[in-house]
Each structure stands twice: as structure tokens, then as C-alpha cells.
Amino acid sequence: MTKLMYILLWVSLLVGSAVAADQERKVVRSQEPEYPPIAARMNLHGTVKLKIWISPDGTVRRLEYIGGHPVLAESALKAVKAWKYEASSRESTAMVEVKF
């Protein structure tokens, strides 16, 4: 029973440190999204939610649109794709909210 508890503790520490590493990566360079002209005509405002995969060198490797108004999504995706994060020893993921 004691050996099992040590194994579970070790696994939980590994998982916890992986999650913490994802949250600790800082943005080195960000770009504000362009407000689409059609959104201005529609007086449209809101937040676009994205999931991003960040390469070890800090570049955004992949983006996934999670939610928000579709008219604003393309502009948010384009801006976040140009972001740069601090380097890390491994790839990480993050959830990003872009406000318009």
C-alpha cells in the first residue's frame, strides 16, 4: 500500500509540474488584432477564445478557434499566430482570449 501511495504521489507531481510549465510561459512579443471593417459597421464587440500550441522556440505552431463571434475570429487568429513566447525545453499549450 505504501509503495502505491509513493507512485501516485510521484505521478501527481509530474502532472502538476507539466501543467505549471504551460502556465508559466510568458509572451515576449504580441500583436494587436485588426478590427475588421465589417465588425465596425455592425458595431460588433466581443472576445474570441483560442487554444494555441507553442513550439519550444516560442513560436505559435498551431491555433484552434474555440469560441467567439466568427467575424472576429480570422483577425484574432492572424494576430496570435504572430505572437512570440519565451523559449522552453518542450512544446506547450495555452488558452488565449482576444478582446475586441
PDB file of N, CA and C in Angstrom:
ATOM      1  N   MET A   1       0.816  -1.200   0.000  1.00  0.00           N
ATOM      2  CA  MET A   1       0.000   0.000   0.000  1.00  0.00           C
ATOM      3  C   MET A   1       0.860   1.265   0.000  1.00  0.00           C
ATOM      4  N   THR A   2       1.924   1.287   0.750  1.00  0.00           N
ATOM      5  CA  THR A   2       2.794   2.453   0.830  1.00  0.00           C
ATOM      6  C   THR A   2       3.489   2.710  -0.502  1.00  0.00           C
ATOM      7  N   LYS A   3       3.918   1.643  -1.172  1.00  0.00           N
ATOM      8  CA  LYS A   3       4.578   1.790  -2.464  1.00  0.00           C
ATOM      9  C   LYS A   3       3.624   2.415  -3.484  1.00  0.00           C
ATOM     10  N   LEU A   4       2.367   2.004  -3.469  1.00  0.00           N
ATOM     11  CA  LEU A   4       1.361   2.560  -4.369  1.00  0.00           C
ATOM     12  C   LEU A   4       1.146   4.045  -4.095  1.00  0.00           C
ATOM     13  N   MET A   5       1.137   4.430  -2.835  1.00  0.00           N
ATOM     14  CA  MET A   5       0.955   5.846  -2.487  1.00  0.00           C
ATOM     15  C   MET A   5       2.124   6.674  -2.999  1.00  0.00           C
ATOM     16  N   TYR A   6       3.359   6.161  -2.905  1.00  0.00           N
ATOM     17  CA  TYR A   6       4.524   6.876  -3.420  1.00  0.00           C
ATOM     18  C   TYR A   6       4.457   7.037  -4.930  1.00  0.00           C
ATOM     19  N   ILE A   7       4.014   5.995  -5.609  1.00  0.00           N
ATOM     20  CA  ILE A   7       3.885   6.062  -7.066  1.00  0.00           C
ATOM     21  C   ILE A   7       2.836   7.103  -7.459  1.00  0.00           C
ATOM     22  N   LEU A   8       1.695   7.092  -6.791  1.00  0.00           N
ATOM     23  CA  LEU A   8       0.644   8.070  -7.082  1.00  0.00           C
ATOM     24  C   LEU A   8       1.105   9.495  -6.795  1.00  0.00           C
ATOM     25  N   LEU A   9       1.816   9.679  -5.721  1.00  0.00           N
ATOM     26  CA  LEU A   9       2.348  10.999  -5.394  1.00  0.00           C
ATOM     27  C   LEU A   9       3.331  11.467  -6.464  1.00  0.00           C
ATOM     28  N   TRP A  10       4.210  10.601  -6.892  1.00  0.00           N
ATOM     29  CA  TRP A  10       5.204  10.918  -7.931  1.00  0.00           C
ATOM     30  C   TRP A  10       4.520  11.300  -9.240  1.00  0.00           C
ATOM     31  N   VAL A  11       3.515  10.522  -9.641  1.00  0.00           N
ATOM     32  CA  VAL A  11       2.779  10.811 -10.874  1.00  0.00           C
ATOM     33  C   VAL A  11       2.055  12.143 -10.768  1.00  0.00           C
ATOM     34  N   SER A  12       1.429  12.416  -9.644  1.00  0.00           N
ATOM     35  CA  SER A  12       0.712  13.687  -9.486  1.00  0.00           C
ATOM     36  C   SER A  12       1.674  14.877  -9.509  1.00  0.00           C
ATOM     37  N   LEU A  13       2.877  14.713  -8.961  1.00  0.00           N
ATOM     38  CA  LEU A  13       3.869  15.784  -9.023  1.00  0.00           C
ATOM     39  C   LEU A  13       4.320  16.030 -10.454  1.00  0.00           C
ATOM     40  N   LEU A  14       4.511  14.975 -11.227  1.00  0.00           N
ATOM     41  CA  LEU A  14       4.902  15.129 -12.629  1.00  0.00           C
ATOM     42  C   LEU A  14       3.819  15.837 -13.435  1.00  0.00           C
ATOM     43  N   VAL A  15       2.580  15.422 -13.252  1.00  0.00           N
ATOM     44  CA  VAL A  15       1.468  16.045 -13.974  1.00  0.00           C
ATOM     45  C   VAL A  15       1.320  17.495 -13.543  1.00  0.00           C
ATOM     46  N   GLY A  16       1.409  17.772 -12.263  1.00  0.00           N
ATOM     47  CA  GLY A  16       1.295  19.134 -11.758  1.00  0.00           C
ATOM     48  C   GLY A  16       2.378  20.043 -12.295  1.00  0.00           C
ATOM     49  N   SER A  17       3.601  19.546 -12.407  1.00  0.00           N
ATOM     50  CA  SER A  17       4.684  20.383 -12.927  1.00  0.00           C
ATOM     51  C   SER A  17       4.509  20.634 -14.413  1.00  0.00           C
ATOM     52  N   ALA A  18       3.947  19.693 -15.149  1.00  0.00           N
ATOM     53  CA  ALA A  18       3.700  19.902 -16.578  1.00  0.00           C
ATOM     54  C   ALA A  18       2.642  20.977 -16.780  1.00  0.00           C
ATOM     55  N   VAL A  19       1.600  20.950 -15.976  1.00  0.00           N
ATOM     56  CA  VAL A  19       0.559  21.976 -16.079  1.00  0.00           C
ATOM     57  C   VAL A  19       1.123  23.333 -15.697  1.00  0.00           C
ATOM     58  N   ALA A  20       1.923  23.397 -14.646  1.00  0.00           N
ATOM     59  CA  ALA A  20       2.521  24.663 -14.223  1.00  0.00           C
ATOM     60  C   ALA A  20       3.439  25.223 -15.289  1.00  0.00           C
ATOM     61  N   ALA A  21       4.156  24.358 -15.981  1.00  0.00           N
ATOM     62  CA  ALA A  21       5.066  24.825 -17.029  1.00  0.00           C
ATOM     63  C   ALA A  21       4.296  25.476 -18.161  1.00  0.00           C
ATOM     64  N   ASP A  22       3.114  24.930 -18.501  1.00  0.00           N
ATOM     65  CA  ASP A  22       2.291  25.533 -19.543  1.00  0.00           C
ATOM     66  C   ASP A  22       1.849  26.940 -19.143  1.00  0.00           C
ATOM     67  N   GLN A  23       1.529  27.135 -17.883  1.00  0.00           N
ATOM     68  CA  GLN A  23       1.003  28.411 -17.433  1.00  0.00           C
ATOM     69  C   GLN A  23       2.092  29.462 -17.229  1.00  0.00           C
ATOM     70  N   GLU A  24       3.338  29.050 -17.100  1.00  0.00           N
ATOM     71  CA  GLU A  24       4.406  29.982 -16.785  1.00  0.00           C
ATOM     72  C   GLU A  24       5.031  30.640 -18.005  1.00  0.00           C
ATOM     73  N   ARG A  25       4.777  30.160 -19.194  1.00  0.00           N
ATOM     74  CA  ARG A  25       5.410  30.753 -20.378  1.00  0.00           C
ATOM     75  C   ARG A  25       4.879  32.150 -20.610  1.00  0.00           C
ATOM     76  N   LYS A  26       5.787  33.067 -20.769  1.00  0.00           N
ATOM     77  CA  LYS A  26       5.439  34.478 -20.932  1.00  0.00           C
ATOM     78  C   LYS A  26       5.476  34.884 -22.404  1.00  0.00           C
ATOM     79  N   VAL A  27       4.614  35.819 -22.751  1.00  0.00           N
ATOM     80  CA  VAL A  27       4.610  36.379 -24.103  1.00  0.00           C
ATOM     81  C   VAL A  27       5.756  37.372 -24.211  1.00  0.00           C
ATOM     82  N   VAL A  28       6.612  37.187 -25.211  1.00  0.00           N
ATOM     83  CA  VAL A  28       7.741  38.083 -25.443  1.00  0.00           C
ATOM     84  C   VAL A  28       7.319  39.206 -26.398  1.00  0.00           C
ATOM     85  N   ARG A  29       6.530  38.841 -27.405  1.00  0.00           N
ATOM     86  CA  ARG A  29       6.062  39.820 -28.397  1.00  0.00           C
ATOM     87  C   ARG A  29       4.636  39.471 -28.792  1.00  0.00           C
ATOM     88  N   SER A  30       3.760  40.457 -28.722  1.00  0.00           N
ATOM     89  CA  SER A  30       2.375  40.236 -29.140  1.00  0.00           C
ATOM     90  C   SER A  30       1.980  41.287 -30.173  1.00  0.00           C
ATOM     91  N   GLN A  31       0.938  40.982 -30.885  1.00  0.00           N
ATOM     92  CA  GLN A  31       0.442  41.881 -31.918  1.00  0.00           C
ATOM     93  C   GLN A  31      -1.055  42.068 -31.690  1.00  0.00           C
ATOM     94  N   GLU A  32      -1.509  43.304 -31.696  1.00  0.00           N
ATOM     95  CA  GLU A  32      -2.932  43.577 -31.551  1.00  0.00           C
ATOM     96  C   GLU A  32      -3.655  43.200 -32.842  1.00  0.00           C
ATOM     97  N   PRO A  33      -4.842  42.601 -32.733  1.00  0.00           N
ATOM     98  CA  PRO A  33      -5.579  42.246 -33.951  1.00  0.00           C
ATOM     99  C   PRO A  33      -6.180  43.483 -34.603  1.00  0.00           C
ATOM    100  N   GLU A  34      -6.328  43.416 -35.914  1.00  0.00           N
ATOM    101  CA  GLU A  34      -7.014  44.489 -36.640  1.00  0.00           C
ATOM    102  C   GLU A  34      -8.513  44.311 -36.432  1.00  0.00           C
ATOM    103  N   TYR A  35      -9.192  45.412 -36.196  1.00  0.00           N
ATOM    104  CA  TYR A  35     -10.643  45.357 -36.047  1.00  0.00           C
ATOM    105  C   TYR A  35     -11.239  45.314 -37.450  1.00  0.00           C
ATOM    106  N   PRO A  36     -11.906  44.217 -37.825  1.00  0.00           N
ATOM    107  CA  PRO A  36     -12.419  44.093 -39.187  1.00  0.00           C
ATOM    108  C   PRO A  36     -13.419  45.196 -39.532  1.00  0.00           C
ATOM    109  N   PRO A  37     -13.340  45.773 -40.733  1.00  0.00           N
ATOM    110  CA  PRO A  37     -14.269  46.834 -41.128  1.00  0.00           C
ATOM    111  C   PRO A  37     -15.741  46.414 -41.038  1.00  0.00           C
ATOM    112  N   ILE A  38     -16.029  45.168 -41.372  1.00  0.00           N
ATOM    113  CA  ILE A  38     -17.419  44.702 -41.291  1.00  0.00           C
ATOM    114  C   ILE A  38     -17.899  44.670 -39.836  1.00  0.00           C
ATOM    115  N   ALA A  39     -17.000  44.359 -38.913  1.00  0.00           N
ATOM    116  CA  ALA A  39     -17.353  44.361 -37.495  1.00  0.00           C
ATOM    117  C   ALA A  39     -17.640  45.783 -37.019  1.00  0.00           C
ATOM    118  N   ALA A  40     -16.881  46.752 -37.559  1.00  0.00           N
ATOM    119  CA  ALA A  40     -17.126  48.154 -37.203  1.00  0.00           C
ATOM    120  C   ALA A  40     -18.497  48.594 -37.709  1.00  0.00           C
ATOM    121  N   ARG A  41     -18.852  48.205 -38.932  1.00  0.00           N
ATOM    122  CA  ARG A  41     -20.172  48.568 -39.477  1.00  0.00           C
ATOM    123  C   ARG A  41     -21.305  47.928 -38.680  1.00  0.00           C
ATOM    124  N   MET A  42     -21.038  46.730 -38.152  1.00  0.00           N
ATOM    125  CA  MET A  42     -22.048  46.019 -37.373  1.00  0.00           C
ATOM    126  C   MET A  42     -22.015  46.413 -35.891  1.00  0.00           C
ATOM    127  N   ASN A  43     -21.059  47.287 -35.525  1.00  0.00           N
ATOM    128  CA  ASN A  43     -20.853  47.673 -34.124  1.00  0.00           C
ATOM    129  C   ASN A  43     -20.682  46.422 -33.252  1.00  0.00           C
ATOM    130  N   LEU A  44     -19.838  45.521 -33.718  1.00  0.00           N
ATOM    131  CA  LEU A  44     -19.644  44.221 -33.099  1.00  0.00           C
ATOM    132  C   LEU A  44     -18.438  44.247 -32.169  1.00  0.00           C
ATOM    133  N   HIS A  45     -18.629  43.767 -30.949  1.00  0.00           N
ATOM    134  CA  HIS A  45     -17.563  43.674 -29.957  1.00  0.00           C
ATOM    135  C   HIS A  45     -17.659  42.313 -29.295  1.00  0.00           C
ATOM    136  N   GLY A  46     -16.575  41.871 -28.703  1.00  0.00           N
ATOM    137  CA  GLY A  46     -16.611  40.591 -28.005  1.00  0.00           C
ATOM    138  C   GLY A  46     -15.234  40.025 -27.793  1.00  0.00           C
ATOM    139  N   THR A  47     -15.219  38.772 -27.398  1.00  0.00           N
ATOM    140  CA  THR A  47     -13.982  38.060 -27.102  1.00  0.00           C
ATOM    141  C   THR A  47     -13.914  36.798 -27.944  1.00  0.00           C
ATOM    142  N   VAL A  48     -12.749  36.528 -28.503  1.00  0.00           N
ATOM    143  CA  VAL A  48     -12.507  35.303 -29.259  1.00  0.00           C
ATOM    144  C   VAL A  48     -11.591  34.430 -28.413  1.00  0.00           C
ATOM    145  N   LYS A  49     -11.988  33.175 -28.215  1.00  0.00           N
ATOM    146  CA  LYS A  49     -11.194  32.236 -27.430  1.00  0.00           C
ATOM    147  C   LYS A  49     -10.457  31.297 -28.375  1.00  0.00           C
ATOM    148  N   LEU A  50      -9.159  31.121 -28.098  1.00  0.00           N
ATOM    149  CA  LEU A  50      -8.303  30.271 -28.922  1.00  0.00           C
ATOM    150  C   LEU A  50      -7.485  29.335 -28.043  1.00  0.00           C
ATOM    151  N   LYS A  51      -7.207  28.152 -28.566  1.00  0.00           N
ATOM    152  CA  LYS A  51      -6.235  27.261 -27.954  1.00  0.00           C
ATOM    153  C   LYS A  51      -5.028  27.289 -28.870  1.00  0.00           C
ATOM    154  N   ILE A  52      -3.848  27.481 -28.272  1.00  0.00           N
ATOM    155  CA  ILE A  52      -2.640  27.563 -29.093  1.00  0.00           C
ATOM    156  C   ILE A  52      -1.604  26.552 -28.616  1.00  0.00           C
ATOM    157  N   TRP A  53      -0.819  26.072 -29.567  1.00  0.00           N
ATOM    158  CA  TRP A  53       0.306  25.191 -29.306  1.00  0.00           C
ATOM    159  C   TRP A  53       1.570  25.999 -29.565  1.00  0.00           C
ATOM    160  N   ILE A  54       2.454  26.038 -28.578  1.00  0.00           N
ATOM    161  CA  ILE A  54       3.664  26.849 -28.652  1.00  0.00           C
ATOM    162  C   ILE A  54       4.876  25.930 -28.770  1.00  0.00           C
ATOM    163  N   SER A  55       5.660  26.131 -29.824  1.00  0.00           N
ATOM    164  CA  SER A  55       6.872  25.336 -30.055  1.00  0.00           C
ATOM    165  C   SER A  55       7.912  25.641 -28.985  1.00  0.00           C
ATOM    166  N   PRO A  56       8.883  24.754 -28.801  1.00  0.00           N
ATOM    167  CA  PRO A  56       9.950  25.020 -27.823  1.00  0.00           C
ATOM    168  C   PRO A  56      10.686  26.335 -28.083  1.00  0.00           C
ATOM    169  N   ASP A  57      10.783  26.766 -29.359  1.00  0.00           N
ATOM    170  CA  ASP A  57      11.477  28.023 -29.646  1.00  0.00           C
ATOM    171  C   ASP A  57      10.610  29.258 -29.379  1.00  0.00           C
ATOM    172  N   GLY A  58       9.337  29.050 -29.003  1.00  0.00           N
ATOM    173  CA  GLY A  58       8.467  30.165 -28.636  1.00  0.00           C
ATOM    174  C   GLY A  58       7.510  30.620 -29.718  1.00  0.00           C
ATOM    175  N   THR A  59       7.574  30.034 -30.907  1.00  0.00           N
ATOM    176  CA  THR A  59       6.642  30.414 -31.969  1.00  0.00           C
ATOM    177  C   THR A  59       5.321  29.655 -31.803  1.00  0.00           C
ATOM    178  N   VAL A  60       4.245  30.273 -32.270  1.00  0.00           N
ATOM    179  CA  VAL A  60       2.940  29.629 -32.222  1.00  0.00           C
ATOM    180  C   VAL A  60       2.877  28.660 -33.397  1.00  0.00           C
ATOM    181  N   ARG A  61       2.793  27.375 -33.079  1.00  0.00           N
ATOM    182  CA  ARG A  61       2.820  26.331 -34.103  1.00  0.00           C
ATOM    183  C   ARG A  61       1.434  26.039 -34.660  1.00  0.00           C
ATOM    184  N   ARG A  62       0.428  26.067 -33.810  1.00  0.00           N
ATOM    185  CA  ARG A  62      -0.929  25.708 -34.219  1.00  0.00           C
ATOM    186  C   ARG A  62      -1.928  26.510 -33.411  1.00  0.00           C
ATOM    187  N   LEU A  63      -3.063  26.818 -34.029  1.00  0.00           N
ATOM    188  CA  LEU A  63      -4.139  27.532 -33.345  1.00  0.00           C
ATOM    189  C   LEU A  63      -5.448  26.792 -33.579  1.00  0.00           C
ATOM    190  N   GLU A  64      -6.322  26.873 -32.589  1.00  0.00           N
ATOM    191  CA  GLU A  64      -7.649  26.284 -32.722  1.00  0.00           C
ATOM    192  C   GLU A  64      -8.671  27.290 -32.208  1.00  0.00           C
ATOM    193  N   TYR A  65      -9.636  27.612 -33.044  1.00  0.00           N
ATOM    194  CA  TYR A  65     -10.716  28.534 -32.692  1.00  0.00           C
ATOM    195  C   TYR A  65     -11.676  27.790 -31.767  1.00  0.00           C
ATOM    196  N   ILE A  66     -11.882  28.323 -30.561  1.00  0.00           N
ATOM    197  CA  ILE A  66     -12.745  27.691 -29.575  1.00  0.00           C
ATOM    198  C   ILE A  66     -14.114  28.372 -29.525  1.00  0.00           C
ATOM    199  N   GLY A  67     -14.137  29.705 -29.528  1.00  0.00           N
ATOM    200  CA  GLY A  67     -15.412  30.401 -29.429  1.00  0.00           C
ATOM    201  C   GLY A  67     -15.277  31.887 -29.668  1.00  0.00           C
ATOM    202  N   GLY A  68     -16.418  32.533 -29.756  1.00  0.00           N
ATOM    203  CA  GLY A  68     -16.467  33.956 -30.039  1.00  0.00           C
ATOM    204  C   GLY A  68     -17.128  34.188 -31.388  1.00  0.00           C
ATOM    205  N   HIS A  69     -17.353  35.443 -31.726  1.00  0.00           N
ATOM    206  CA  HIS A  69     -18.035  35.763 -32.979  1.00  0.00           C
ATOM    207  C   HIS A  69     -17.151  35.414 -34.181  1.00  0.00           C
ATOM    208  N   PRO A  70     -17.682  34.680 -35.150  1.00  0.00           N
ATOM    209  CA  PRO A  70     -16.891  34.268 -36.312  1.00  0.00           C
ATOM    210  C   PRO A  70     -16.330  35.425 -37.142  1.00  0.00           C
ATOM    211  N   VAL A  71     -17.006  36.569 -37.148  1.00  0.00           N
ATOM    212  CA  VAL A  71     -16.500  37.719 -37.902  1.00  0.00           C
ATOM    213  C   VAL A  71     -15.174  38.205 -37.311  1.00  0.00           C
ATOM    214  N   LEU A  72     -14.999  38.053 -36.017  1.00  0.00           N
ATOM    215  CA  LEU A  72     -13.782  38.498 -35.337  1.00  0.00           C
ATOM    216  C   LEU A  72     -12.686  37.431 -35.313  1.00  0.00           C
ATOM    217  N   ALA A  73     -13.052  36.189 -35.573  1.00  0.00           N
ATOM    218  CA  ALA A  73     -12.126  35.065 -35.416  1.00  0.00           C
ATOM    219  C   ALA A  73     -10.902  35.153 -36.317  1.00  0.00           C
ATOM    220  N   GLU A  74     -11.077  35.463 -37.593  1.00  0.00           N
ATOM    221  CA  GLU A  74      -9.942  35.481 -38.522  1.00  0.00           C
ATOM    222  C   GLU A  74      -8.886  36.499 -38.106  1.00  0.00           C
ATOM    223  N   SER A  75      -9.328  37.657 -37.678  1.00  0.00           N
ATOM    224  CA  SER A  75      -8.397  38.691 -37.245  1.00  0.00           C
ATOM    225  C   SER A  75      -7.642  38.252 -35.981  1.00  0.00           C
ATOM    226  N   ALA A  76      -8.345  37.605 -35.051  1.00  0.00           N
ATOM    227  CA  ALA A  76      -7.706  37.123 -33.827  1.00  0.00           C
ATOM    228  C   ALA A  76      -6.684  36.035 -34.142  1.00  0.00           C
ATOM    229  N   LEU A  77      -7.042  35.108 -35.022  1.00  0.00           N
ATOM    230  CA  LEU A  77      -6.127  34.030 -35.404  1.00  0.00           C
ATOM    231  C   LEU A  77      -4.859  34.584 -36.050  1.00  0.00           C
ATOM    232  N   LYS A  78      -5.030  35.552 -36.925  1.00  0.00           N
ATOM    233  CA  LYS A  78      -3.880  36.143 -37.628  1.00  0.00           C
ATOM    234  C   LYS A  78      -2.940  36.849 -36.636  1.00  0.00           C
ATOM    235  N   ALA A  79      -3.508  37.584 -35.694  1.00  0.00           N
ATOM    236  CA  ALA A  79      -2.685  38.312 -34.725  1.00  0.00           C
ATOM    237  C   ALA A  79      -1.929  37.364 -33.798  1.00  0.00           C
ATOM    238  N   VAL A  80      -2.619  36.372 -33.250  1.00  0.00           N
ATOM    239  CA  VAL A  80      -1.996  35.462 -32.285  1.00  0.00           C
ATOM    240  C   VAL A  80      -0.946  34.582 -32.959  1.00  0.00           C
ATOM    241  N   LYS A  81      -1.133  34.261 -34.227  1.00  0.00           N
ATOM    242  CA  LYS A  81      -0.140  33.473 -34.960  1.00  0.00           C
ATOM    243  C   LYS A  81       1.218  34.185 -34.987  1.00  0.00           C
ATOM    244  N   ALA A  82       1.219  35.509 -34.925  1.00  0.00           N
ATOM    245  CA  ALA A  82       2.462  36.291 -34.959  1.00  0.00           C
ATOM    246  C   ALA A  82       3.089  36.476 -33.569  1.00  0.00           C
ATOM    247  N   TRP A  83       2.407  36.036 -32.514  1.00  0.00           N
ATOM    248  CA  TRP A  83       2.951  36.179 -31.168  1.00  0.00           C
ATOM    249  C   TRP A  83       4.195  35.325 -30.997  1.00  0.00           C
ATOM    250  N   LYS A  84       5.041  35.738 -30.059  1.00  0.00           N
ATOM    251  CA  LYS A  84       6.272  35.013 -29.725  1.00  0.00           C
ATOM    252  C   LYS A  84       6.314  34.845 -28.208  1.00  0.00           C
ATOM    253  N   TYR A  85       6.582  33.625 -27.773  1.00  0.00           N
ATOM    254  CA  TYR A  85       6.689  33.305 -26.350  1.00  0.00           C
ATOM    255  C   TYR A  85       8.146  33.044 -25.997  1.00  0.00           C
ATOM    256  N   GLU A  86       8.436  33.027 -24.699  1.00  0.00           N
ATOM    257  CA  GLU A  86       9.793  32.710 -24.272  1.00  0.00           C
ATOM    258  C   GLU A  86      10.082  31.241 -24.601  1.00  0.00           C
ATOM    259  N   ALA A  87      11.343  30.937 -24.835  1.00  0.00           N
ATOM    260  CA  ALA A  87      11.759  29.577 -25.185  1.00  0.00           C
ATOM    261  C   ALA A  87      11.569  28.640 -23.991  1.00  0.00           C
ATOM    262  N   SER A  88      11.398  27.366 -24.319  1.00  0.00           N
ATOM    263  CA  SER A  88      11.207  26.343 -23.293  1.00  0.00           C
ATOM    264  C   SER A  88      11.846  25.054 -23.776  1.00  0.00           C
ATOM    265  N   SER A  89      11.938  24.091 -22.912  1.00  0.00           N
ATOM    266  CA  SER A  89      12.538  22.814 -23.292  1.00  0.00           C
ATOM    267  C   SER A  89      11.564  21.912 -24.045  1.00  0.00           C
ATOM    268  N   ARG A  90      10.276  22.259 -24.032  1.00  0.00           N
ATOM    269  CA  ARG A  90       9.294  21.421 -24.708  1.00  0.00           C
ATOM    270  C   ARG A  90       8.128  22.260 -25.223  1.00  0.00           C
ATOM    271  N   GLU A  91       7.305  21.638 -26.058  1.00  0.00           N
ATOM    272  CA  GLU A  91       6.111  22.302 -26.567  1.00  0.00           C
ATOM    273  C   GLU A  91       5.093  22.446 -25.440  1.00  0.00           C
ATOM    274  N   SER A  92       4.288  23.500 -25.507  1.00  0.00           N
ATOM    275  CA  SER A  92       3.248  23.695 -24.503  1.00  0.00           C
ATOM    276  C   SER A  92       1.981  24.213 -25.182  1.00  0.00           C
ATOM    277  N   THR A  93       0.905  24.239 -24.424  1.00  0.00           N
ATOM    278  CA  THR A  93      -0.361  24.759 -24.930  1.00  0.00           C
ATOM    279  C   THR A  93      -0.849  25.862 -24.008  1.00  0.00           C
ATOM    280  N   ALA A  94      -1.711  26.702 -24.538  1.00  0.00           N
ATOM    281  CA  ALA A  94      -2.289  27.780 -23.735  1.00  0.00           C
ATOM    282  C   ALA A  94      -3.656  28.135 -24.301  1.00  0.00           C
ATOM    283  N   MET A  95      -4.508  28.645 -23.453  1.00  0.00           N
ATOM    284  CA  MET A  95      -5.787  29.200 -23.865  1.00  0.00           C
ATOM    285  C   MET A  95      -5.635  30.721 -23.870  1.00  0.00           C
ATOM    286  N   VAL A  96      -6.070  31.351 -24.961  1.00  0.00           N
ATOM    287  CA  VAL A  96      -5.909  32.787 -25.119  1.00  0.00           C
ATOM    288  C   VAL A  96      -7.273  33.403 -25.411  1.00  0.00           C
ATOM    289  N   GLU A  97      -7.529  34.553 -24.822  1.00  0.00           N
ATOM    290  CA  GLU A  97      -8.734  35.331 -25.120  1.00  0.00           C
ATOM    291  C   GLU A  97      -8.312  36.654 -25.746  1.00  0.00           C
ATOM    292  N   VAL A  98      -8.850  36.947 -26.932  1.00  0.00           N
ATOM    293  CA  VAL A  98      -8.562  38.189 -27.633  1.00  0.00           C
ATOM    294  C   VAL A  98      -9.824  39.037 -27.575  1.00  0.00           C
ATOM    295  N   LYS A  99      -9.698  40.218 -26.996  1.00  0.00           N
ATOM    296  CA  LYS A  99     -10.858  41.098 -26.820  1.00  0.00           C
ATOM    297  C   LYS A  99     -10.921  42.165 -27.918  1.00  0.00           C
ATOM    298  N   PHE A 100     -12.096  42.357 -28.440  1.00  0.00           N
ATOM    299  CA  PHE A 100     -12.343  43.383 -29.461  1.00  0.00           C
ATOM    300  C   PHE A 100     -13.296  44.417 -28.901  1.00  0.00           C
TER     301      PHE A 100
END
